[in-house]
Amino acid sequence: MTTLKKMPLIELSAKDLPAFCPTPQMPRWSDHPRVFLDVTHGETRCPYCGTRYKLLGGEVVRGH
C-alpha cells in the first residue's frame, strides 16, 4: 500500500507576492513550468508538484 507524502509548506508574506512555483530555492531536478499561484484566500497548492503555499496570518494583500 502506498502512503501519501505530505508536501512541503512554504509560508509567504505580502512582500513575497506574487507567489510562483518552482521557487529559486527548489532543486533544479524538480523543475517544472513556472505557474503563478493565488494565495489571497490563505492557502493553495502547485498543480505540478503539490507544494503548498500559505499566506502568513495577519498579512494584507494589496491590489494594484
PDB file of N, CA and C in Angstrom:
ATOM      1  N   MET A   1       0.836  -1.169   0.000  1.00  0.00           N
ATOM      2  CA  MET A   1       0.000   0.000   0.000  1.00  0.00           C
ATOM      3  C   MET A   1       0.889   1.243   0.000  1.00  0.00           C
ATOM      4  N   THR A   2       0.463   2.257  -0.705  1.00  0.00           N
ATOM      5  CA  THR A   2       1.227   3.499  -0.773  1.00  0.00           C
ATOM      6  C   THR A   2       0.724   4.489   0.267  1.00  0.00           C
ATOM      7  N   THR A   3       1.657   5.228   0.834  1.00  0.00           N
ATOM      8  CA  THR A   3       1.252   6.283   1.756  1.00  0.00           C
ATOM      9  C   THR A   3       1.434   7.621   1.061  1.00  0.00           C
ATOM     10  N   LEU A   4       0.548   8.533   1.360  1.00  0.00           N
ATOM     11  CA  LEU A   4       0.637   9.864   0.765  1.00  0.00           C
ATOM     12  C   LEU A   4       1.753  10.647   1.441  1.00  0.00           C
ATOM     13  N   LYS A   5       2.593  11.257   0.631  1.00  0.00           N
ATOM     14  CA  LYS A   5       3.680  12.078   1.150  1.00  0.00           C
ATOM     15  C   LYS A   5       3.147  13.486   1.379  1.00  0.00           C
ATOM     16  N   LYS A   6       3.376  13.998   2.570  1.00  0.00           N
ATOM     17  CA  LYS A   6       2.944  15.364   2.859  1.00  0.00           C
ATOM     18  C   LYS A   6       3.925  16.322   2.185  1.00  0.00           C
ATOM     19  N   MET A   7       3.412  17.132   1.296  1.00  0.00           N
ATOM     20  CA  MET A   7       4.253  18.048   0.534  1.00  0.00           C
ATOM     21  C   MET A   7       4.674  19.227   1.411  1.00  0.00           C
ATOM     22  N   PRO A   8       5.824  19.830   1.084  1.00  0.00           N
ATOM     23  CA  PRO A   8       6.316  20.945   1.892  1.00  0.00           C
ATOM     24  C   PRO A   8       5.360  22.136   1.884  1.00  0.00           C
ATOM     25  N   LEU A   9       5.411  22.909   2.956  1.00  0.00           N
ATOM     26  CA  LEU A   9       4.601  24.122   3.083  1.00  0.00           C
ATOM     27  C   LEU A   9       5.541  25.318   3.058  1.00  0.00           C
ATOM     28  N   ILE A  10       5.284  26.239   2.147  1.00  0.00           N
ATOM     29  CA  ILE A  10       6.069  27.468   2.058  1.00  0.00           C
ATOM     30  C   ILE A  10       5.175  28.605   2.523  1.00  0.00           C
ATOM     31  N   GLU A  11       5.603  29.274   3.602  1.00  0.00           N
ATOM     32  CA  GLU A  11       4.824  30.389   4.134  1.00  0.00           C
ATOM     33  C   GLU A  11       5.328  31.687   3.515  1.00  0.00           C
ATOM     34  N   LEU A  12       4.387  32.496   3.063  1.00  0.00           N
ATOM     35  CA  LEU A  12       4.711  33.727   2.344  1.00  0.00           C
ATOM     36  C   LEU A  12       4.183  34.950   3.078  1.00  0.00           C
ATOM     37  N   SER A  13       4.934  36.036   2.978  1.00  0.00           N
ATOM     38  CA  SER A  13       4.428  37.316   3.471  1.00  0.00           C
ATOM     39  C   SER A  13       3.942  38.101   2.257  1.00  0.00           C
ATOM     40  N   ALA A  14       3.290  39.214   2.487  1.00  0.00           N
ATOM     41  CA  ALA A  14       2.763  40.017   1.380  1.00  0.00           C
ATOM     42  C   ALA A  14       3.890  40.501   0.468  1.00  0.00           C
ATOM     43  N   LYS A  15       5.078  40.726   1.014  1.00  0.00           N
ATOM     44  CA  LYS A  15       6.195  41.199   0.184  1.00  0.00           C
ATOM     45  C   LYS A  15       6.736  40.101  -0.735  1.00  0.00           C
ATOM     46  N   ASP A  16       6.400  38.836  -0.471  1.00  0.00           N
ATOM     47  CA  ASP A  16       6.841  37.717  -1.313  1.00  0.00           C
ATOM     48  C   ASP A  16       5.957  37.526  -2.545  1.00  0.00           C
ATOM     49  N   LEU A  17       4.875  38.287  -2.633  1.00  0.00           N
ATOM     50  CA  LEU A  17       3.935  38.109  -3.742  1.00  0.00           C
ATOM     51  C   LEU A  17       4.409  38.854  -4.971  1.00  0.00           C
ATOM     52  N   PRO A  18       4.117  38.416  -6.163  1.00  0.00           N
ATOM     53  CA  PRO A  18       3.252  37.293  -6.491  1.00  0.00           C
ATOM     54  C   PRO A  18       3.948  35.958  -6.211  1.00  0.00           C
ATOM     55  N   ALA A  19       3.145  34.993  -5.796  1.00  0.00           N
ATOM     56  CA  ALA A  19       3.660  33.659  -5.496  1.00  0.00           C
ATOM     57  C   ALA A  19       3.772  32.854  -6.779  1.00  0.00           C
ATOM     58  N   PHE A  20       4.871  32.126  -6.907  1.00  0.00           N
ATOM     59  CA  PHE A  20       5.046  31.270  -8.081  1.00  0.00           C
ATOM     60  C   PHE A  20       5.815  30.014  -7.694  1.00  0.00           C
ATOM     61  N   CYS A  21       5.674  29.010  -8.505  1.00  0.00           N
ATOM     62  CA  CYS A  21       6.353  27.739  -8.301  1.00  0.00           C
ATOM     63  C   CYS A  21       6.900  27.276  -9.641  1.00  0.00           C
ATOM     64  N   PRO A  22       8.099  26.738  -9.706  1.00  0.00           N
ATOM     65  CA  PRO A  22       9.034  26.490  -8.616  1.00  0.00           C
ATOM     66  C   PRO A  22       9.729  27.779  -8.177  1.00  0.00           C
ATOM     67  N   THR A  23      10.158  27.785  -6.920  1.00  0.00           N
ATOM     68  CA  THR A  23      10.891  28.931  -6.390  1.00  0.00           C
ATOM     69  C   THR A  23      12.373  28.771  -6.719  1.00  0.00           C
ATOM     70  N   PRO A  24      13.142  29.849  -6.674  1.00  0.00           N
ATOM     71  CA  PRO A  24      14.581  29.745  -6.954  1.00  0.00           C
ATOM     72  C   PRO A  24      15.318  28.819  -5.977  1.00  0.00           C
ATOM     73  N   GLN A  25      14.770  28.600  -4.780  1.00  0.00           N
ATOM     74  CA  GLN A  25      15.421  27.754  -3.779  1.00  0.00           C
ATOM     75  C   GLN A  25      15.203  26.259  -4.025  1.00  0.00           C
ATOM     76  N   MET A  26      14.277  25.908  -4.889  1.00  0.00           N
ATOM     77  CA  MET A  26      13.984  24.492  -5.144  1.00  0.00           C
ATOM     78  C   MET A  26      15.096  23.857  -5.975  1.00  0.00           C
ATOM     79  N   PRO A  27      15.350  22.561  -5.750  1.00  0.00           N
ATOM     80  CA  PRO A  27      16.397  21.883  -6.520  1.00  0.00           C
ATOM     81  C   PRO A  27      16.096  21.883  -8.014  1.00  0.00           C
ATOM     82  N   ARG A  28      17.141  21.988  -8.801  1.00  0.00           N
ATOM     83  CA  ARG A  28      16.996  22.057 -10.261  1.00  0.00           C
ATOM     84  C   ARG A  28      16.318  20.814 -10.834  1.00  0.00           C
ATOM     85  N   TRP A  29      16.537  19.644 -10.231  1.00  0.00           N
ATOM     86  CA  TRP A  29      15.972  18.407 -10.770  1.00  0.00           C
ATOM     87  C   TRP A  29      14.451  18.381 -10.659  1.00  0.00           C
ATOM     88  N   SER A  30      13.897  19.205  -9.789  1.00  0.00           N
ATOM     89  CA  SER A  30      12.442  19.189  -9.613  1.00  0.00           C
ATOM     90  C   SER A  30      11.748  20.285 -10.413  1.00  0.00           C
ATOM     91  N   ASP A  31      12.459  20.849 -11.387  1.00  0.00           N
ATOM     92  CA  ASP A  31      11.900  21.929 -12.202  1.00  0.00           C
ATOM     93  C   ASP A  31      10.658  21.509 -12.987  1.00  0.00           C
ATOM     94  N   HIS A  32       9.739  22.417 -13.124  1.00  0.00           N
ATOM     95  CA  HIS A  32       8.558  22.258 -13.974  1.00  0.00           C
ATOM     96  C   HIS A  32       8.213  23.649 -14.488  1.00  0.00           C
ATOM     97  N   PRO A  33       7.279  23.773 -15.418  1.00  0.00           N
ATOM     98  CA  PRO A  33       6.926  25.116 -15.914  1.00  0.00           C
ATOM     99  C   PRO A  33       6.507  26.031 -14.756  1.00  0.00           C
ATOM    100  N   ARG A  34       6.875  27.304 -14.837  1.00  0.00           N
ATOM    101  CA  ARG A  34       6.520  28.253 -13.779  1.00  0.00           C
ATOM    102  C   ARG A  34       5.027  28.538 -13.815  1.00  0.00           C
ATOM    103  N   VAL A  35       4.411  28.465 -12.646  1.00  0.00           N
ATOM    104  CA  VAL A  35       2.994  28.808 -12.508  1.00  0.00           C
ATOM    105  C   VAL A  35       2.872  29.843 -11.392  1.00  0.00           C
ATOM    106  N   PHE A  36       1.980  30.794 -11.592  1.00  0.00           N
ATOM    107  CA  PHE A  36       1.706  31.797 -10.572  1.00  0.00           C
ATOM    108  C   PHE A  36       0.503  31.327  -9.775  1.00  0.00           C
ATOM    109  N   LEU A  37       0.568  31.506  -8.458  1.00  0.00           N
ATOM    110  CA  LEU A  37      -0.422  30.939  -7.548  1.00  0.00           C
ATOM    111  C   LEU A  37      -1.171  32.034  -6.797  1.00  0.00           C
ATOM    112  N   ASP A  38      -2.463  31.829  -6.616  1.00  0.00           N
ATOM    113  CA  ASP A  38      -3.310  32.781  -5.902  1.00  0.00           C
ATOM    114  C   ASP A  38      -3.403  32.368  -4.435  1.00  0.00           C
ATOM    115  N   VAL A  39      -2.728  33.099  -3.565  1.00  0.00           N
ATOM    116  CA  VAL A  39      -2.772  32.791  -2.136  1.00  0.00           C
ATOM    117  C   VAL A  39      -3.625  33.794  -1.364  1.00  0.00           C
ATOM    118  N   THR A  40      -4.399  34.600  -2.071  1.00  0.00           N
ATOM    119  CA  THR A  40      -5.195  35.634  -1.403  1.00  0.00           C
ATOM    120  C   THR A  40      -6.274  35.050  -0.492  1.00  0.00           C
ATOM    121  N   HIS A  41      -6.606  33.783  -0.666  1.00  0.00           N
ATOM    122  CA  HIS A  41      -7.616  33.147   0.189  1.00  0.00           C
ATOM    123  C   HIS A  41      -6.974  32.299   1.278  1.00  0.00           C
ATOM    124  N   GLY A  42      -5.666  32.460   1.483  1.00  0.00           N
ATOM    125  CA  GLY A  42      -5.000  31.772   2.576  1.00  0.00           C
ATOM    126  C   GLY A  42      -3.985  30.730   2.153  1.00  0.00           C
ATOM    127  N   GLU A  43      -4.428  29.700   1.419  1.00  0.00           N
ATOM    128  CA  GLU A  43      -3.521  28.613   1.058  1.00  0.00           C
ATOM    129  C   GLU A  43      -3.865  28.067  -0.318  1.00  0.00           C
ATOM    130  N   THR A  44      -2.840  27.611  -1.026  1.00  0.00           N
ATOM    131  CA  THR A  44      -3.034  26.993  -2.338  1.00  0.00           C
ATOM    132  C   THR A  44      -1.962  25.936  -2.541  1.00  0.00           C
ATOM    133  N   ARG A  45      -2.071  25.207  -3.627  1.00  0.00           N
ATOM    134  CA  ARG A  45      -1.151  24.112  -3.923  1.00  0.00           C
ATOM    135  C   ARG A  45      -0.719  24.204  -5.382  1.00  0.00           C
ATOM    136  N   CYS A  46       0.546  23.900  -5.657  1.00  0.00           N
ATOM    137  CA  CYS A  46       1.050  23.894  -7.029  1.00  0.00           C
ATOM    138  C   CYS A  46       0.435  22.707  -7.773  1.00  0.00           C
ATOM    139  N   PRO A  47      -0.141  22.947  -8.953  1.00  0.00           N
ATOM    140  CA  PRO A  47      -0.767  21.848  -9.694  1.00  0.00           C
ATOM    141  C   PRO A  47       0.246  20.850 -10.257  1.00  0.00           C
ATOM    142  N   TYR A  48       1.520  21.226 -10.348  1.00  0.00           N
ATOM    143  CA  TYR A  48       2.542  20.319 -10.890  1.00  0.00           C
ATOM    144  C   TYR A  48       3.174  19.443  -9.815  1.00  0.00           C
ATOM    145  N   CYS A  49       3.695  20.070  -8.760  1.00  0.00           N
ATOM    146  CA  CYS A  49       4.467  19.296  -7.779  1.00  0.00           C
ATOM    147  C   CYS A  49       3.757  19.110  -6.443  1.00  0.00           C
ATOM    148  N   GLY A  50       2.661  19.831  -6.220  1.00  0.00           N
ATOM    149  CA  GLY A  50       1.905  19.659  -4.984  1.00  0.00           C
ATOM    150  C   GLY A  50       2.415  20.465  -3.803  1.00  0.00           C
ATOM    151  N   THR A  51       3.467  21.244  -3.991  1.00  0.00           N
ATOM    152  CA  THR A  51       3.971  22.075  -2.898  1.00  0.00           C
ATOM    153  C   THR A  51       2.868  23.026  -2.450  1.00  0.00           C
ATOM    154  N   ARG A  52       2.726  23.158  -1.130  1.00  0.00           N
ATOM    155  CA  ARG A  52       1.684  24.017  -0.577  1.00  0.00           C
ATOM    156  C   ARG A  52       2.259  25.399  -0.267  1.00  0.00           C
ATOM    157  N   TYR A  53       1.471  26.419  -0.534  1.00  0.00           N
ATOM    158  CA  TYR A  53       1.856  27.805  -0.271  1.00  0.00           C
ATOM    159  C   TYR A  53       0.790  28.423   0.613  1.00  0.00           C
ATOM    160  N   LYS A  54       1.230  29.100   1.688  1.00  0.00           N
ATOM    161  CA  LYS A  54       0.287  29.680   2.639  1.00  0.00           C
ATOM    162  C   LYS A  54       0.700  31.110   2.952  1.00  0.00           C
ATOM    163  N   LEU A  55      -0.284  31.988   2.967  1.00  0.00           N
ATOM    164  CA  LEU A  55      -0.055  33.376   3.349  1.00  0.00           C
ATOM    165  C   LEU A  55       0.007  33.445   4.871  1.00  0.00           C
ATOM    166  N   LEU A  56       1.030  34.089   5.402  1.00  0.00           N
ATOM    167  CA  LEU A  56       1.180  34.211   6.851  1.00  0.00           C
ATOM    168  C   LEU A  56      -0.016  34.936   7.454  1.00  0.00           C
ATOM    169  N   GLY A  57      -0.397  34.548   8.646  1.00  0.00           N
ATOM    170  CA  GLY A  57      -1.511  35.183   9.335  1.00  0.00           C
ATOM    171  C   GLY A  57      -1.265  36.661   9.567  1.00  0.00           C
ATOM    172  N   GLY A  58      -2.275  37.473   9.363  1.00  0.00           N
ATOM    173  CA  GLY A  58      -2.161  38.907   9.573  1.00  0.00           C
ATOM    174  C   GLY A  58      -1.618  39.680   8.385  1.00  0.00           C
ATOM    175  N   GLU A  59      -1.199  38.981   7.336  1.00  0.00           N
ATOM    176  CA  GLU A  59      -0.680  39.660   6.146  1.00  0.00           C
ATOM    177  C   GLU A  59      -1.832  40.224   5.327  1.00  0.00           C
ATOM    178  N   VAL A  60      -1.636  41.407   4.768  1.00  0.00           N
ATOM    179  CA  VAL A  60      -2.659  42.055   3.956  1.00  0.00           C
ATOM    180  C   VAL A  60      -2.161  42.125   2.522  1.00  0.00           C
ATOM    181  N   VAL A  61      -2.953  41.569   1.605  1.00  0.00           N
ATOM    182  CA  VAL A  61      -2.607  41.600   0.186  1.00  0.00           C
ATOM    183  C   VAL A  61      -3.266  42.823  -0.415  1.00  0.00           C
ATOM    184  N   ARG A  62      -2.467  43.666  -1.020  1.00  0.00           N
ATOM    185  CA  ARG A  62      -2.996  44.884  -1.628  1.00  0.00           C
ATOM    186  C   ARG A  62      -3.017  44.732  -3.137  1.00  0.00           C
ATOM    187  N   GLY A  63      -4.058  45.254  -3.769  1.00  0.00           N
ATOM    188  CA  GLY A  63      -4.172  45.218  -5.226  1.00  0.00           C
ATOM    189  C   GLY A  63      -3.374  46.342  -5.853  1.00  0.00           C
ATOM    190  N   HIS A  64      -3.384  46.379  -7.159  1.00  0.00           N
ATOM    191  CA  HIS A  64      -2.642  47.421  -7.887  1.00  0.00           C
ATOM    192  C   HIS A  64      -3.414  48.712  -7.909  1.00  0.00           C
TER     193      HIS A  64
END
